[in-house]
Amino acid sequence: MIRSELVQKVADENPHLYQRDVERIVNTIFEEIIGAMADGDRVELRGFGAFSVKKRDARVGRNPRTGASVDVEEKHVPFFKTGKLLRDRLNGK
């Protein structure tokens, strides 16, 4: 599902809301999640999962084409851990 499909689904289930308002709501939710993660905070949506940021240390990597050593800088990557309810639904429980 892409963002526009999510907006359309929410709009269809809430006919009393205008599409532009639903779009603003969905965008606000995503922006808040992104903002919290950018600040290094953890975002937990009960039953769905938790978003967090993990730090990857600097390391020496290899260029796969040439085999030359390359310095890879330290970076932060998003991490998602599924919630129990989501995991159970995916496994048919």
Protein backbone atom coordinates (compact mmCIF):
# COMPACT_ATOMS: atom_id res chain seq x y z
CA MET A 1 0.00 0.00 0.00
CA ILE A 2 1.30 3.42 -0.88
CA ARG A 3 0.51 6.72 0.83
CA SER A 4 -2.18 7.74 -1.67
CA GLU A 5 -3.95 4.39 -1.21
CA LEU A 6 -3.86 4.87 2.56
CA VAL A 7 -5.34 8.37 2.19
CA GLN A 8 -8.08 7.02 -0.08
CA LYS A 9 -8.91 4.16 2.32
CA VAL A 10 -9.17 6.51 5.31
CA ALA A 11 -11.27 8.95 3.26
CA ASP A 12 -13.60 6.15 2.12
CA GLU A 13 -14.11 4.97 5.72
CA ASN A 14 -14.75 8.53 6.94
CA PRO A 15 -17.09 10.18 4.41
CA HIS A 16 -17.66 13.13 6.78
CA LEU A 17 -14.03 14.24 6.23
CA TYR A 18 -12.75 16.02 3.16
CA GLN A 19 -10.02 14.26 1.18
CA ARG A 20 -7.63 17.21 1.69
CA ASP A 21 -8.15 16.96 5.47
CA VAL A 22 -7.44 13.22 5.45
CA GLU A 23 -4.32 13.88 3.39
CA ARG A 24 -3.17 16.47 5.92
CA ILE A 25 -3.82 14.05 8.80
CA VAL A 26 -1.85 11.20 7.20
CA ASN A 27 1.02 13.53 6.27
CA THR A 28 1.10 14.95 9.80
CA ILE A 29 1.33 11.46 11.31
CA PHE A 30 4.23 10.52 9.04
CA GLU A 31 6.00 13.84 9.65
CA GLU A 32 5.70 13.39 13.42
CA ILE A 33 7.16 9.87 13.20
CA ILE A 34 10.02 11.13 11.02
CA GLY A 35 10.65 14.10 13.31
CA ALA A 36 10.74 11.95 16.43
CA MET A 37 13.15 9.50 14.82
CA ALA A 38 15.34 12.35 13.58
CA ASP A 39 15.60 13.48 17.21
CA GLY A 40 16.68 9.95 18.18
CA ASP A 41 13.39 9.07 19.88
CA ARG A 42 11.56 5.76 19.66
CA VAL A 43 8.02 5.70 18.21
CA GLU A 44 5.73 2.93 19.40
CA LEU A 45 2.36 2.15 17.85
CA ARG A 46 0.76 -0.45 20.14
CA GLY A 47 -0.19 -3.63 18.31
CA PHE A 48 1.66 -2.53 15.17
CA GLY A 49 5.28 -2.10 16.15
CA ALA A 50 8.04 0.26 17.17
CA PHE A 51 10.28 2.45 15.06
CA SER A 52 13.73 3.28 16.40
CA VAL A 53 17.10 4.49 15.17
CA LYS A 54 20.19 2.31 15.35
CA LYS A 55 23.74 3.57 15.06
CA ARG A 56 26.13 1.83 12.70
CA ASP A 57 29.78 2.45 13.52
CA ALA A 58 32.33 3.52 10.94
CA ARG A 59 34.06 0.62 9.22
CA VAL A 60 36.24 -0.33 6.32
CA GLY A 61 34.23 -1.74 3.44
CA ARG A 62 35.09 -3.01 -0.02
CA ASN A 63 34.15 -1.66 -3.40
CA PRO A 64 32.57 -4.75 -5.04
CA ARG A 65 33.63 -3.68 -8.52
CA THR A 66 37.32 -3.02 -7.85
CA GLY A 67 37.90 -4.76 -4.54
CA ALA A 68 39.52 -1.60 -3.15
CA SER A 69 39.09 -0.70 0.52
CA VAL A 70 36.64 2.11 1.21
CA ASP A 71 36.04 3.95 4.46
CA VAL A 72 32.35 3.86 5.37
CA GLU A 73 31.29 6.64 7.72
CA GLU A 74 29.26 6.19 10.88
CA LYS A 75 25.53 6.39 10.14
CA HIS A 76 22.13 6.06 11.72
CA VAL A 77 19.57 3.73 10.17
CA PRO A 78 15.85 3.28 10.84
CA PHE A 79 14.80 0.03 12.50
CA PHE A 80 11.31 -1.45 12.84
CA LYS A 81 10.30 -4.16 15.28
CA THR A 82 6.85 -5.66 14.78
CA GLY A 83 4.34 -5.75 17.58
CA LYS A 84 2.85 -8.97 18.89
CA LEU A 85 -0.59 -8.33 17.37
CA LEU A 86 0.87 -7.72 13.90
CA ARG A 87 3.16 -10.75 14.15
CA ASP A 88 0.25 -12.97 15.22
CA ARG A 89 -1.98 -11.75 12.36
CA LEU A 90 0.77 -12.35 9.81
CA ASN A 91 1.17 -15.90 11.12
CA GLY A 92 -2.57 -16.61 11.04
CA LYS A 93 -3.17 -16.74 14.78
